[in-house]
């Protein structure tokens, strides 16, 4: 099972987490987030340390961002994925994919996050199939975009029959490995973890992460 560690913003902490060999490192580029990573010095550090981060794919998380902002951030932070965590439409995703199809520089994948509530209809994901290579299923119900640190009912995953693989997100913590190892869904690629592994917003506890990764299948 693949693991994305999201909400990173400190170079030393990124190095520490990277050494544990997760599959994805997530940087949040939503200015209202306490984990906002949009600092030029961080982009410079990433470009200078590209060899150290070669094993991981860098994911930038955006919320209803202007296309130009995403394009510039992809270049400045060497992003491999763009995760859209707002109300971005299928047309918006197609526009990004089209722009990258004619761009000779970086061509990141597109991941679309969906907020899962008890009445969520997974057919809503269908219009995104052609443009998004990955979905993120997160906890729904909050007024503002972003994670809640709470789980949702994973049994609802049985309703998802689409072709796009997904990351499971929302309140996943150190004690959830047994339940995660028991999940069986053909499109489950991995998990997206964040606040439950922090000592403070944006600073991950490497020891907790190491134990979690060791126990996860």
N, C-alpha and C. Protein backbone atom coordinates (compact mmCIF):
# COMPACT_ATOMS: atom_id res chain seq x y z
N UNK A 1 0.84 -1.19 0.00
CA UNK A 1 0.00 0.00 0.00
C UNK A 1 0.88 1.24 0.00
N UNK A 2 0.59 2.16 -0.91
CA UNK A 2 1.38 3.37 -1.00
C UNK A 2 0.96 4.38 0.07
N UNK A 3 1.88 5.28 0.40
CA UNK A 3 1.62 6.26 1.45
C UNK A 3 2.01 7.65 0.96
N UNK A 4 1.09 8.58 1.14
CA UNK A 4 1.37 10.00 0.91
C UNK A 4 1.39 10.71 2.26
N UNK A 5 2.48 11.37 2.56
CA UNK A 5 2.58 12.18 3.77
C UNK A 5 2.37 13.63 3.35
N UNK A 6 1.27 14.22 3.79
CA UNK A 6 0.89 15.55 3.33
C UNK A 6 1.12 16.60 4.42
N UNK A 7 1.11 17.87 3.99
CA UNK A 7 1.21 18.97 4.93
C UNK A 7 2.63 19.29 5.36
N UNK A 8 3.61 18.93 4.53
CA UNK A 8 5.02 19.21 4.84
C UNK A 8 5.38 20.63 4.39
N UNK A 9 6.30 21.27 5.12
CA UNK A 9 6.73 22.61 4.70
C UNK A 9 8.11 22.97 5.21
N UNK A 10 8.69 22.14 6.07
CA UNK A 10 9.99 22.42 6.68
C UNK A 10 11.06 21.54 6.02
N UNK A 11 12.12 22.13 5.43
CA UNK A 11 13.13 21.32 4.73
C UNK A 11 13.73 20.20 5.56
N UNK A 12 14.08 20.48 6.82
CA UNK A 12 14.68 19.44 7.66
C UNK A 12 13.70 18.31 7.91
N UNK A 13 12.44 18.66 8.14
CA UNK A 13 11.42 17.65 8.36
C UNK A 13 11.13 16.86 7.09
N UNK A 14 11.17 17.52 5.94
CA UNK A 14 10.98 16.84 4.66
C UNK A 14 12.09 15.81 4.46
N UNK A 15 13.31 16.18 4.77
CA UNK A 15 14.42 15.23 4.66
C UNK A 15 14.22 14.04 5.58
N UNK A 16 13.78 14.31 6.80
CA UNK A 16 13.57 13.27 7.79
C UNK A 16 12.48 12.30 7.33
N UNK A 17 11.39 12.85 6.81
CA UNK A 17 10.29 12.03 6.33
C UNK A 17 10.70 11.28 5.06
N UNK A 18 11.41 11.95 4.18
CA UNK A 18 11.84 11.32 2.93
C UNK A 18 12.70 10.09 3.19
N UNK A 19 13.50 10.13 4.24
CA UNK A 19 14.38 9.01 4.58
C UNK A 19 13.60 7.76 4.97
N UNK A 20 12.30 7.91 5.28
CA UNK A 20 11.47 6.77 5.64
C UNK A 20 10.85 6.11 4.41
N UNK A 21 11.05 6.70 3.26
CA UNK A 21 10.65 6.15 1.96
C UNK A 21 9.14 6.03 1.75
N UNK A 22 8.35 7.07 2.09
CA UNK A 22 6.96 7.06 1.63
C UNK A 22 6.95 7.26 0.12
N UNK A 23 5.80 7.09 -0.49
CA UNK A 23 5.72 7.18 -1.96
C UNK A 23 5.49 8.59 -2.46
N UNK A 24 4.76 9.38 -1.65
CA UNK A 24 4.43 10.76 -2.04
C UNK A 24 4.70 11.70 -0.87
N UNK A 25 5.20 12.89 -1.20
CA UNK A 25 5.34 13.97 -0.23
C UNK A 25 4.42 15.10 -0.65
N UNK A 26 3.53 15.51 0.27
CA UNK A 26 2.52 16.51 -0.07
C UNK A 26 2.82 17.88 0.48
N UNK A 27 2.70 18.89 -0.38
CA UNK A 27 2.90 20.29 -0.01
C UNK A 27 1.60 21.03 -0.29
N UNK A 28 1.12 21.79 0.68
CA UNK A 28 -0.16 22.48 0.55
C UNK A 28 0.06 23.92 0.10
N UNK A 29 -0.60 24.29 -0.99
CA UNK A 29 -0.45 25.64 -1.55
C UNK A 29 -1.77 26.41 -1.47
N UNK A 30 -2.49 26.19 -0.39
CA UNK A 30 -3.70 26.96 -0.11
C UNK A 30 -3.35 27.96 0.99
N UNK A 31 -3.34 29.26 0.68
CA UNK A 31 -2.83 30.26 1.64
C UNK A 31 -3.51 30.24 2.99
N UNK A 32 -4.75 29.78 3.07
CA UNK A 32 -5.45 29.78 4.35
C UNK A 32 -5.08 28.60 5.25
N UNK A 33 -4.29 27.69 4.73
CA UNK A 33 -3.92 26.50 5.52
C UNK A 33 -2.78 26.82 6.49
N UNK A 34 -2.83 26.28 7.72
CA UNK A 34 -1.70 26.46 8.64
C UNK A 34 -0.46 25.71 8.18
N UNK A 35 -0.61 24.88 7.15
CA UNK A 35 0.52 24.12 6.60
C UNK A 35 0.94 24.66 5.24
N UNK A 36 0.62 25.91 4.99
CA UNK A 36 0.94 26.54 3.70
C UNK A 36 2.43 26.45 3.40
N UNK A 37 2.76 25.90 2.23
CA UNK A 37 4.16 25.65 1.87
C UNK A 37 4.69 26.63 0.83
N UNK A 38 3.92 27.65 0.50
CA UNK A 38 4.29 28.55 -0.58
C UNK A 38 5.34 29.57 -0.21
N UNK A 39 6.50 29.12 0.16
CA UNK A 39 7.63 30.00 0.48
C UNK A 39 8.72 29.82 -0.57
N UNK A 40 9.17 30.88 -1.21
CA UNK A 40 10.20 30.75 -2.25
C UNK A 40 11.43 29.99 -1.78
N UNK A 41 11.80 30.16 -0.52
CA UNK A 41 13.00 29.47 -0.01
C UNK A 41 12.81 27.96 -0.05
N UNK A 42 11.59 27.47 0.17
CA UNK A 42 11.34 26.04 0.11
C UNK A 42 11.46 25.54 -1.32
N UNK A 43 10.92 26.29 -2.28
CA UNK A 43 11.07 25.91 -3.67
C UNK A 43 12.52 25.83 -4.09
N UNK A 44 13.31 26.79 -3.64
CA UNK A 44 14.75 26.79 -3.96
C UNK A 44 15.42 25.57 -3.34
N UNK A 45 15.05 25.25 -2.11
CA UNK A 45 15.65 24.09 -1.43
C UNK A 45 15.30 22.80 -2.17
N UNK A 46 14.06 22.67 -2.63
CA UNK A 46 13.65 21.47 -3.36
C UNK A 46 14.44 21.34 -4.65
N UNK A 47 14.60 22.44 -5.36
CA UNK A 47 15.36 22.37 -6.62
C UNK A 47 16.83 22.02 -6.35
N UNK A 48 17.38 22.52 -5.25
CA UNK A 48 18.78 22.24 -4.92
C UNK A 48 18.99 20.83 -4.39
N UNK A 49 17.91 20.19 -3.92
CA UNK A 49 18.03 18.87 -3.30
C UNK A 49 17.21 17.82 -4.05
N UNK A 50 17.08 18.01 -5.33
CA UNK A 50 16.25 17.11 -6.13
C UNK A 50 16.72 15.66 -6.03
N UNK A 51 18.03 15.45 -5.94
CA UNK A 51 18.56 14.09 -5.85
C UNK A 51 18.11 13.40 -4.56
N UNK A 52 18.00 14.16 -3.46
CA UNK A 52 17.59 13.57 -2.19
C UNK A 52 16.13 13.15 -2.20
N UNK A 53 15.34 13.76 -3.07
CA UNK A 53 13.91 13.50 -3.11
C UNK A 53 13.52 12.63 -4.31
N UNK A 54 14.51 12.00 -4.91
CA UNK A 54 14.27 11.26 -6.15
C UNK A 54 13.31 10.08 -5.95
N UNK A 55 13.32 9.49 -4.75
CA UNK A 55 12.50 8.30 -4.52
C UNK A 55 11.01 8.63 -4.38
N UNK A 56 10.69 9.87 -4.06
CA UNK A 56 9.29 10.25 -3.84
C UNK A 56 8.75 11.12 -4.97
N UNK A 57 7.44 11.08 -5.12
CA UNK A 57 6.76 12.00 -6.02
C UNK A 57 6.20 13.16 -5.19
N UNK A 58 6.43 14.38 -5.66
CA UNK A 58 5.96 15.56 -4.94
C UNK A 58 4.55 15.94 -5.41
N UNK A 59 3.68 16.12 -4.43
CA UNK A 59 2.28 16.44 -4.72
C UNK A 59 1.97 17.83 -4.17
N UNK A 60 1.49 18.71 -5.02
CA UNK A 60 1.05 20.03 -4.58
C UNK A 60 -0.46 20.05 -4.44
N UNK A 61 -0.95 20.50 -3.30
CA UNK A 61 -2.39 20.53 -3.02
C UNK A 61 -2.89 21.96 -3.19
N UNK A 62 -3.93 22.11 -4.02
CA UNK A 62 -4.48 23.43 -4.35
C UNK A 62 -5.99 23.43 -4.10
N UNK A 63 -6.53 24.61 -3.80
CA UNK A 63 -7.96 24.76 -3.57
C UNK A 63 -8.48 25.91 -4.42
N UNK A 64 -9.20 25.58 -5.48
CA UNK A 64 -9.82 26.60 -6.35
C UNK A 64 -8.81 27.66 -6.79
N UNK A 65 -7.64 27.21 -7.17
CA UNK A 65 -6.55 28.13 -7.53
C UNK A 65 -6.64 28.56 -8.98
N UNK A 66 -6.10 29.73 -9.27
CA UNK A 66 -5.98 30.18 -10.65
C UNK A 66 -5.00 29.27 -11.40
N UNK A 67 -5.29 29.03 -12.67
CA UNK A 67 -4.46 28.12 -13.47
C UNK A 67 -3.02 28.60 -13.51
N UNK A 68 -2.81 29.90 -13.68
CA UNK A 68 -1.43 30.42 -13.75
C UNK A 68 -0.66 30.15 -12.47
N UNK A 69 -1.35 30.26 -11.33
CA UNK A 69 -0.70 29.97 -10.05
C UNK A 69 -0.25 28.52 -9.98
N UNK A 70 -1.10 27.63 -10.45
CA UNK A 70 -0.72 26.21 -10.46
C UNK A 70 0.45 25.97 -11.39
N UNK A 71 0.40 26.53 -12.59
CA UNK A 71 1.48 26.32 -13.55
C UNK A 71 2.82 26.80 -13.00
N UNK A 72 2.82 27.97 -12.38
CA UNK A 72 4.06 28.52 -11.83
C UNK A 72 4.56 27.68 -10.65
N UNK A 73 3.64 27.21 -9.81
CA UNK A 73 4.03 26.44 -8.64
C UNK A 73 4.58 25.08 -9.04
N UNK A 74 3.99 24.47 -10.06
CA UNK A 74 4.51 23.19 -10.57
C UNK A 74 5.98 23.33 -10.94
N UNK A 75 6.30 24.41 -11.61
CA UNK A 75 7.70 24.63 -12.03
C UNK A 75 8.59 24.98 -10.84
N UNK A 76 8.13 25.89 -9.99
CA UNK A 76 8.96 26.37 -8.88
C UNK A 76 9.27 25.29 -7.86
N UNK A 77 8.34 24.34 -7.69
CA UNK A 77 8.51 23.31 -6.65
C UNK A 77 8.69 21.91 -7.23
N UNK A 78 8.88 21.83 -8.54
CA UNK A 78 9.19 20.55 -9.19
C UNK A 78 8.13 19.48 -8.90
N UNK A 79 6.86 19.85 -9.02
CA UNK A 79 5.78 18.95 -8.63
C UNK A 79 5.54 17.85 -9.67
N UNK A 80 5.26 16.65 -9.15
CA UNK A 80 4.92 15.51 -10.00
C UNK A 80 3.41 15.31 -10.11
N UNK A 81 2.68 15.83 -9.12
CA UNK A 81 1.23 15.73 -9.09
C UNK A 81 0.63 17.06 -8.64
N UNK A 82 -0.53 17.37 -9.17
CA UNK A 82 -1.35 18.48 -8.70
C UNK A 82 -2.62 17.87 -8.12
N UNK A 83 -2.86 18.08 -6.83
CA UNK A 83 -4.07 17.58 -6.18
C UNK A 83 -5.04 18.74 -5.99
N UNK A 84 -6.23 18.61 -6.54
CA UNK A 84 -7.24 19.66 -6.51
C UNK A 84 -8.24 19.33 -5.42
N UNK A 85 -8.29 20.20 -4.39
CA UNK A 85 -9.05 19.89 -3.19
C UNK A 85 -10.21 20.85 -2.97
N UNK A 86 -10.63 21.53 -4.05
CA UNK A 86 -11.74 22.46 -3.93
C UNK A 86 -12.93 22.03 -4.76
N UNK A 87 -13.55 23.01 -5.43
CA UNK A 87 -14.73 22.74 -6.25
C UNK A 87 -14.39 22.71 -7.74
N UNK A 88 -13.19 22.31 -8.06
CA UNK A 88 -12.73 22.32 -9.45
C UNK A 88 -13.61 21.42 -10.32
N UNK A 89 -14.01 21.94 -11.46
CA UNK A 89 -14.92 21.23 -12.35
C UNK A 89 -14.16 20.25 -13.25
N UNK A 90 -14.87 19.32 -13.89
CA UNK A 90 -14.22 18.47 -14.88
C UNK A 90 -13.56 19.28 -16.00
N UNK A 91 -14.20 20.38 -16.39
CA UNK A 91 -13.62 21.23 -17.43
C UNK A 91 -12.31 21.86 -17.00
N UNK A 92 -12.23 22.25 -15.74
CA UNK A 92 -10.99 22.81 -15.20
C UNK A 92 -9.88 21.78 -15.30
N UNK A 93 -10.18 20.53 -14.94
CA UNK A 93 -9.18 19.46 -15.00
C UNK A 93 -8.76 19.19 -16.44
N UNK A 94 -9.72 19.22 -17.35
CA UNK A 94 -9.38 19.00 -18.76
C UNK A 94 -8.50 20.12 -19.28
N UNK A 95 -8.76 21.35 -18.82
CA UNK A 95 -7.93 22.48 -19.25
C UNK A 95 -6.48 22.30 -18.79
N UNK A 96 -6.30 21.88 -17.55
CA UNK A 96 -4.94 21.64 -17.06
C UNK A 96 -4.26 20.55 -17.88
N UNK A 97 -4.96 19.47 -18.12
CA UNK A 97 -4.37 18.37 -18.88
C UNK A 97 -3.99 18.81 -20.28
N UNK A 98 -4.84 19.62 -20.90
CA UNK A 98 -4.55 20.11 -22.24
C UNK A 98 -3.33 21.01 -22.23
N UNK A 99 -3.22 21.89 -21.23
CA UNK A 99 -2.07 22.78 -21.14
C UNK A 99 -0.78 21.98 -21.02
N UNK A 100 -0.82 20.93 -20.22
CA UNK A 100 0.41 20.13 -20.05
C UNK A 100 0.70 19.25 -21.25
N UNK A 101 -0.30 18.96 -22.05
CA UNK A 101 -0.05 18.14 -23.24
C UNK A 101 0.78 18.89 -24.27
N UNK A 102 0.75 20.23 -24.22
CA UNK A 102 1.53 21.04 -25.17
C UNK A 102 2.72 21.71 -24.50
N UNK A 103 2.95 21.36 -23.25
CA UNK A 103 4.05 21.95 -22.49
C UNK A 103 5.23 21.00 -22.53
N UNK A 104 6.39 21.51 -22.87
CA UNK A 104 7.58 20.66 -22.99
C UNK A 104 8.32 20.53 -21.67
N UNK A 105 7.84 21.21 -20.62
CA UNK A 105 8.53 21.16 -19.34
C UNK A 105 7.94 20.04 -18.49
N UNK A 106 7.42 20.32 -17.33
CA UNK A 106 6.87 19.29 -16.45
C UNK A 106 5.43 18.96 -16.83
N UNK A 107 5.09 17.69 -16.72
CA UNK A 107 3.73 17.23 -17.03
C UNK A 107 3.21 16.44 -15.84
N UNK A 108 2.81 17.13 -14.77
CA UNK A 108 2.35 16.42 -13.57
C UNK A 108 1.01 15.73 -13.79
N UNK A 109 0.78 14.68 -13.01
CA UNK A 109 -0.52 14.06 -13.00
C UNK A 109 -1.52 14.93 -12.24
N UNK A 110 -2.79 14.65 -12.45
CA UNK A 110 -3.86 15.40 -11.78
C UNK A 110 -4.62 14.45 -10.86
N UNK A 111 -4.71 14.83 -9.60
CA UNK A 111 -5.49 14.09 -8.61
C UNK A 111 -6.64 14.97 -8.14
N UNK A 112 -7.84 14.43 -8.12
CA UNK A 112 -9.00 15.19 -7.66
C UNK A 112 -9.51 14.61 -6.35
N UNK A 113 -9.64 15.49 -5.35
CA UNK A 113 -10.16 15.07 -4.05
C UNK A 113 -11.67 15.24 -4.00
N UNK A 114 -12.32 14.31 -3.34
CA UNK A 114 -13.77 14.36 -3.14
C UNK A 114 -14.06 14.22 -1.65
N UNK A 115 -14.99 15.03 -1.17
CA UNK A 115 -15.39 15.00 0.23
C UNK A 115 -16.54 14.02 0.39
N UNK A 116 -16.29 12.94 1.11
CA UNK A 116 -17.25 11.85 1.20
C UNK A 116 -18.16 12.05 2.42
N UNK A 117 -19.44 12.15 2.15
CA UNK A 117 -20.48 12.24 3.17
C UNK A 117 -21.35 10.98 3.06
N UNK A 118 -22.20 10.71 4.05
CA UNK A 118 -23.05 9.51 3.98
C UNK A 118 -23.89 9.41 2.71
N UNK A 119 -24.28 10.55 2.14
CA UNK A 119 -25.12 10.52 0.94
C UNK A 119 -24.33 10.79 -0.35
N UNK A 120 -23.00 10.74 -0.29
CA UNK A 120 -22.19 11.02 -1.48
C UNK A 120 -22.47 9.98 -2.56
N UNK A 121 -22.63 10.47 -3.79
CA UNK A 121 -22.86 9.61 -4.95
C UNK A 121 -21.56 9.51 -5.74
N UNK A 122 -20.96 8.32 -5.77
CA UNK A 122 -19.68 8.15 -6.45
C UNK A 122 -19.79 8.34 -7.96
N UNK A 123 -21.00 8.41 -8.50
CA UNK A 123 -21.14 8.74 -9.92
C UNK A 123 -20.64 10.15 -10.21
N UNK A 124 -20.51 10.97 -9.18
CA UNK A 124 -19.98 12.32 -9.37
C UNK A 124 -18.53 12.30 -9.83
N UNK A 125 -17.85 11.19 -9.63
CA UNK A 125 -16.45 11.10 -10.07
C UNK A 125 -16.33 10.82 -11.57
N UNK A 126 -17.41 10.34 -12.19
CA UNK A 126 -17.32 9.87 -13.58
C UNK A 126 -16.81 10.93 -14.57
N UNK A 127 -17.27 12.19 -14.49
CA UNK A 127 -16.80 13.18 -15.46
C UNK A 127 -15.31 13.51 -15.35
N UNK A 128 -14.66 13.07 -14.28
CA UNK A 128 -13.24 13.36 -14.08
C UNK A 128 -12.32 12.23 -14.58
N UNK A 129 -12.92 11.14 -15.04
CA UNK A 129 -12.13 9.95 -15.36
C UNK A 129 -11.10 10.22 -16.45
N UNK A 130 -11.47 10.98 -17.47
CA UNK A 130 -10.56 11.18 -18.58
C UNK A 130 -9.37 12.08 -18.31
N UNK A 131 -9.46 12.91 -17.28
CA UNK A 131 -8.41 13.89 -17.03
C UNK A 131 -7.61 13.63 -15.76
N UNK A 132 -8.15 12.86 -14.84
CA UNK A 132 -7.49 12.64 -13.55
C UNK A 132 -6.96 11.21 -13.45
N UNK A 133 -5.71 11.09 -13.04
CA UNK A 133 -5.11 9.77 -12.89
C UNK A 133 -5.23 9.21 -11.50
N UNK A 134 -5.77 10.00 -10.58
CA UNK A 134 -5.86 9.57 -9.19
C UNK A 134 -6.96 10.37 -8.51
N UNK A 135 -7.71 9.70 -7.64
CA UNK A 135 -8.69 10.37 -6.80
C UNK A 135 -8.22 10.30 -5.34
N UNK A 136 -8.70 11.23 -4.53
CA UNK A 136 -8.49 11.21 -3.09
C UNK A 136 -9.86 11.29 -2.44
N UNK A 137 -10.19 10.30 -1.63
CA UNK A 137 -11.48 10.28 -0.95
C UNK A 137 -11.26 10.68 0.51
N UNK A 138 -11.73 11.88 0.83
CA UNK A 138 -11.49 12.50 2.14
C UNK A 138 -12.82 12.65 2.88
N UNK A 139 -12.73 13.02 4.14
CA UNK A 139 -13.92 13.22 4.96
C UNK A 139 -14.65 14.49 4.54
N UNK A 140 -15.95 14.38 4.32
CA UNK A 140 -16.76 15.53 3.95
C UNK A 140 -17.51 16.09 5.14
N UNK A 141 -18.25 17.17 4.88
CA UNK A 141 -19.12 17.73 5.89
C UNK A 141 -18.67 19.05 6.47
N UNK A 142 -17.40 19.45 6.24
CA UNK A 142 -16.94 20.72 6.79
C UNK A 142 -17.30 21.87 5.86
N UNK A 143 -17.39 23.07 6.42
CA UNK A 143 -17.79 24.24 5.64
C UNK A 143 -16.67 24.72 4.72
N UNK A 144 -15.43 24.57 5.17
CA UNK A 144 -14.29 25.05 4.41
C UNK A 144 -13.52 23.89 3.81
N UNK A 145 -12.81 24.11 2.67
CA UNK A 145 -12.00 23.04 2.09
C UNK A 145 -10.89 22.62 3.03
N UNK A 146 -10.43 21.39 2.81
CA UNK A 146 -9.31 20.89 3.61
C UNK A 146 -9.74 19.73 4.49
N UNK A 147 -8.76 19.11 5.11
CA UNK A 147 -9.02 17.95 5.94
C UNK A 147 -9.66 18.31 7.26
N UNK A 148 -10.32 17.32 7.84
CA UNK A 148 -10.99 17.51 9.12
C UNK A 148 -10.27 16.81 10.26
N UNK A 149 -9.36 15.88 9.93
CA UNK A 149 -8.74 15.06 10.97
C UNK A 149 -9.68 13.99 11.48
N UNK A 150 -10.84 13.80 10.82
CA UNK A 150 -11.81 12.79 11.23
C UNK A 150 -11.99 11.75 10.12
N UNK A 151 -12.31 10.54 10.53
CA UNK A 151 -12.56 9.47 9.57
C UNK A 151 -13.99 9.55 9.03
N UNK A 152 -14.19 8.90 7.90
CA UNK A 152 -15.53 8.67 7.38
C UNK A 152 -15.75 7.16 7.33
N UNK A 153 -16.96 6.76 7.00
CA UNK A 153 -17.31 5.33 7.02
C UNK A 153 -16.71 4.62 5.81
N UNK A 154 -15.62 3.90 6.03
CA UNK A 154 -14.91 3.25 4.92
C UNK A 154 -15.73 2.16 4.25
N UNK A 155 -16.78 1.67 4.89
CA UNK A 155 -17.63 0.67 4.26
C UNK A 155 -18.28 1.22 2.99
N UNK A 156 -18.40 2.54 2.94
CA UNK A 156 -19.01 3.18 1.76
C UNK A 156 -18.14 3.00 0.51
N UNK A 157 -16.87 2.65 0.67
CA UNK A 157 -16.00 2.42 -0.48
C UNK A 157 -16.55 1.34 -1.40
N UNK A 158 -17.36 0.46 -0.85
CA UNK A 158 -17.95 -0.59 -1.68
C UNK A 158 -18.83 -0.05 -2.79
N UNK A 159 -19.26 1.20 -2.67
CA UNK A 159 -20.10 1.82 -3.69
C UNK A 159 -19.28 2.35 -4.87
N UNK A 160 -17.97 2.44 -4.69
CA UNK A 160 -17.13 2.99 -5.76
C UNK A 160 -16.70 1.87 -6.71
N UNK A 161 -17.11 1.98 -7.97
CA UNK A 161 -16.78 0.97 -8.97
C UNK A 161 -16.06 1.58 -10.17
N UNK A 162 -15.53 2.78 -10.01
CA UNK A 162 -14.88 3.48 -11.12
C UNK A 162 -13.52 2.91 -11.45
N UNK A 163 -12.93 3.36 -12.58
CA UNK A 163 -11.64 2.83 -13.04
C UNK A 163 -10.42 3.55 -12.49
N UNK A 164 -10.62 4.70 -11.84
CA UNK A 164 -9.48 5.52 -11.39
C UNK A 164 -9.06 5.07 -9.99
N UNK A 165 -7.78 4.79 -9.77
CA UNK A 165 -7.32 4.42 -8.42
C UNK A 165 -7.44 5.60 -7.46
N UNK A 166 -7.46 5.30 -6.16
CA UNK A 166 -7.65 6.36 -5.18
C UNK A 166 -6.76 6.18 -3.97
N UNK A 167 -6.53 7.31 -3.29
CA UNK A 167 -5.92 7.33 -1.97
C UNK A 167 -7.03 7.54 -0.95
N UNK A 168 -6.96 6.82 0.14
CA UNK A 168 -7.91 6.97 1.24
C UNK A 168 -7.36 8.01 2.20
N UNK A 169 -8.19 8.99 2.56
CA UNK A 169 -7.74 10.09 3.41
C UNK A 169 -8.80 10.38 4.46
N UNK A 170 -8.41 11.14 5.47
CA UNK A 170 -9.35 11.59 6.48
C UNK A 170 -9.14 10.94 7.83
N UNK A 171 -8.40 11.60 8.70
CA UNK A 171 -8.28 11.16 10.09
C UNK A 171 -7.50 9.89 10.31
N UNK A 172 -6.72 9.47 9.35
CA UNK A 172 -5.94 8.24 9.51
C UNK A 172 -4.78 8.50 10.47
N UNK A 173 -4.66 7.64 11.49
CA UNK A 173 -3.65 7.84 12.52
C UNK A 173 -2.80 6.60 12.75
N UNK A 174 -1.88 6.68 13.70
CA UNK A 174 -0.94 5.59 13.96
C UNK A 174 -1.62 4.27 14.32
N UNK A 175 -2.81 4.32 14.90
CA UNK A 175 -3.46 3.10 15.34
C UNK A 175 -4.36 2.44 14.31
N UNK A 176 -4.30 2.90 13.06
CA UNK A 176 -5.24 2.41 12.05
C UNK A 176 -4.67 1.35 11.11
N UNK A 177 -3.45 0.89 11.35
CA UNK A 177 -2.84 -0.03 10.39
C UNK A 177 -3.61 -1.34 10.25
N UNK A 178 -4.11 -1.87 11.35
CA UNK A 178 -4.82 -3.15 11.27
C UNK A 178 -6.07 -3.02 10.39
N UNK A 179 -6.85 -1.96 10.60
CA UNK A 179 -8.06 -1.76 9.80
C UNK A 179 -7.71 -1.51 8.33
N UNK A 180 -6.64 -0.76 8.09
CA UNK A 180 -6.23 -0.49 6.72
C UNK A 180 -5.77 -1.76 6.02
N UNK A 181 -5.04 -2.60 6.72
CA UNK A 181 -4.55 -3.84 6.12
C UNK A 181 -5.69 -4.78 5.76
N UNK A 182 -6.85 -4.59 6.36
CA UNK A 182 -7.98 -5.45 6.07
C UNK A 182 -8.84 -4.94 4.92
N UNK A 183 -8.58 -3.72 4.47
CA UNK A 183 -9.37 -3.18 3.35
C UNK A 183 -9.03 -3.92 2.06
N UNK A 184 -10.06 -4.18 1.29
CA UNK A 184 -9.88 -4.90 0.04
C UNK A 184 -10.72 -4.24 -1.04
N UNK A 185 -10.09 -3.37 -1.80
CA UNK A 185 -10.77 -2.70 -2.91
C UNK A 185 -9.82 -2.66 -4.09
N UNK A 186 -10.29 -3.03 -5.28
CA UNK A 186 -9.37 -3.14 -6.43
C UNK A 186 -8.70 -1.83 -6.82
N UNK A 187 -9.30 -0.69 -6.48
CA UNK A 187 -8.72 0.59 -6.87
C UNK A 187 -8.02 1.32 -5.71
N UNK A 188 -7.91 0.68 -4.58
CA UNK A 188 -7.21 1.31 -3.45
C UNK A 188 -5.71 1.30 -3.71
N UNK A 189 -5.15 2.50 -3.96
CA UNK A 189 -3.72 2.60 -4.19
C UNK A 189 -2.96 2.79 -2.89
N UNK A 190 -3.54 3.53 -1.93
CA UNK A 190 -2.82 3.78 -0.69
C UNK A 190 -3.56 4.76 0.19
N UNK A 191 -2.82 5.38 1.10
CA UNK A 191 -3.42 6.28 2.08
C UNK A 191 -2.73 7.63 2.04
N UNK A 192 -3.48 8.63 2.46
CA UNK A 192 -3.01 10.01 2.52
C UNK A 192 -3.09 10.44 3.99
N UNK A 193 -1.95 10.66 4.63
CA UNK A 193 -1.93 10.96 6.06
C UNK A 193 -1.38 12.35 6.31
N UNK A 194 -1.81 12.94 7.44
CA UNK A 194 -1.41 14.32 7.71
C UNK A 194 -1.42 14.62 9.20
N UNK A 195 -2.48 15.23 9.69
CA UNK A 195 -2.47 15.87 11.01
C UNK A 195 -2.29 14.90 12.17
N UNK A 196 -2.71 13.66 12.03
CA UNK A 196 -2.62 12.72 13.15
C UNK A 196 -1.19 12.25 13.40
N UNK A 197 -0.25 12.71 12.57
CA UNK A 197 1.16 12.35 12.74
C UNK A 197 2.02 13.58 13.03
N UNK A 198 1.39 14.63 13.56
CA UNK A 198 2.11 15.89 13.75
C UNK A 198 2.36 16.20 15.23
N UNK A 199 3.48 16.86 15.46
CA UNK A 199 3.74 17.45 16.77
C UNK A 199 3.24 18.89 16.80
N UNK A 200 3.13 19.50 15.62
CA UNK A 200 2.51 20.82 15.42
C UNK A 200 2.18 20.92 13.94
N UNK A 201 1.30 21.84 13.53
CA UNK A 201 0.93 21.91 12.12
C UNK A 201 2.13 22.06 11.20
N UNK A 202 2.26 21.13 10.28
CA UNK A 202 3.35 21.17 9.31
C UNK A 202 4.61 20.45 9.74
N UNK A 203 4.65 19.91 10.95
CA UNK A 203 5.84 19.22 11.45
C UNK A 203 5.48 17.79 11.81
N UNK A 204 5.96 16.83 11.04
CA UNK A 204 5.61 15.43 11.23
C UNK A 204 6.54 14.74 12.23
N UNK A 205 5.96 13.82 13.00
CA UNK A 205 6.70 13.01 13.97
C UNK A 205 7.26 11.80 13.23
N UNK A 206 8.53 11.82 12.95
CA UNK A 206 9.15 10.78 12.13
C UNK A 206 9.08 9.41 12.80
N UNK A 207 9.15 9.38 14.12
CA UNK A 207 9.09 8.09 14.82
C UNK A 207 7.73 7.44 14.65
N UNK A 208 6.66 8.22 14.81
CA UNK A 208 5.31 7.69 14.59
C UNK A 208 5.13 7.21 13.15
N UNK A 209 5.65 7.99 12.22
CA UNK A 209 5.55 7.61 10.81
C UNK A 209 6.28 6.30 10.54
N UNK A 210 7.47 6.16 11.11
CA UNK A 210 8.26 4.95 10.90
C UNK A 210 7.52 3.71 11.39
N UNK A 211 6.92 3.80 12.56
CA UNK A 211 6.18 2.67 13.10
C UNK A 211 4.97 2.35 12.24
N UNK A 212 4.28 3.38 11.79
CA UNK A 212 3.11 3.21 10.94
C UNK A 212 3.49 2.50 9.64
N UNK A 213 4.53 2.97 8.99
CA UNK A 213 4.96 2.40 7.71
C UNK A 213 5.41 0.97 7.88
N UNK A 214 6.02 0.66 9.00
CA UNK A 214 6.51 -0.69 9.26
C UNK A 214 5.35 -1.69 9.38
N UNK A 215 4.23 -1.24 9.95
CA UNK A 215 3.09 -2.13 10.19
C UNK A 215 2.13 -2.22 9.01
N UNK A 216 2.24 -1.28 8.08
CA UNK A 216 1.28 -1.24 6.97
C UNK A 216 1.70 -2.22 5.88
N UNK A 217 0.73 -2.98 5.38
CA UNK A 217 1.02 -3.94 4.30
C UNK A 217 1.28 -3.23 2.98
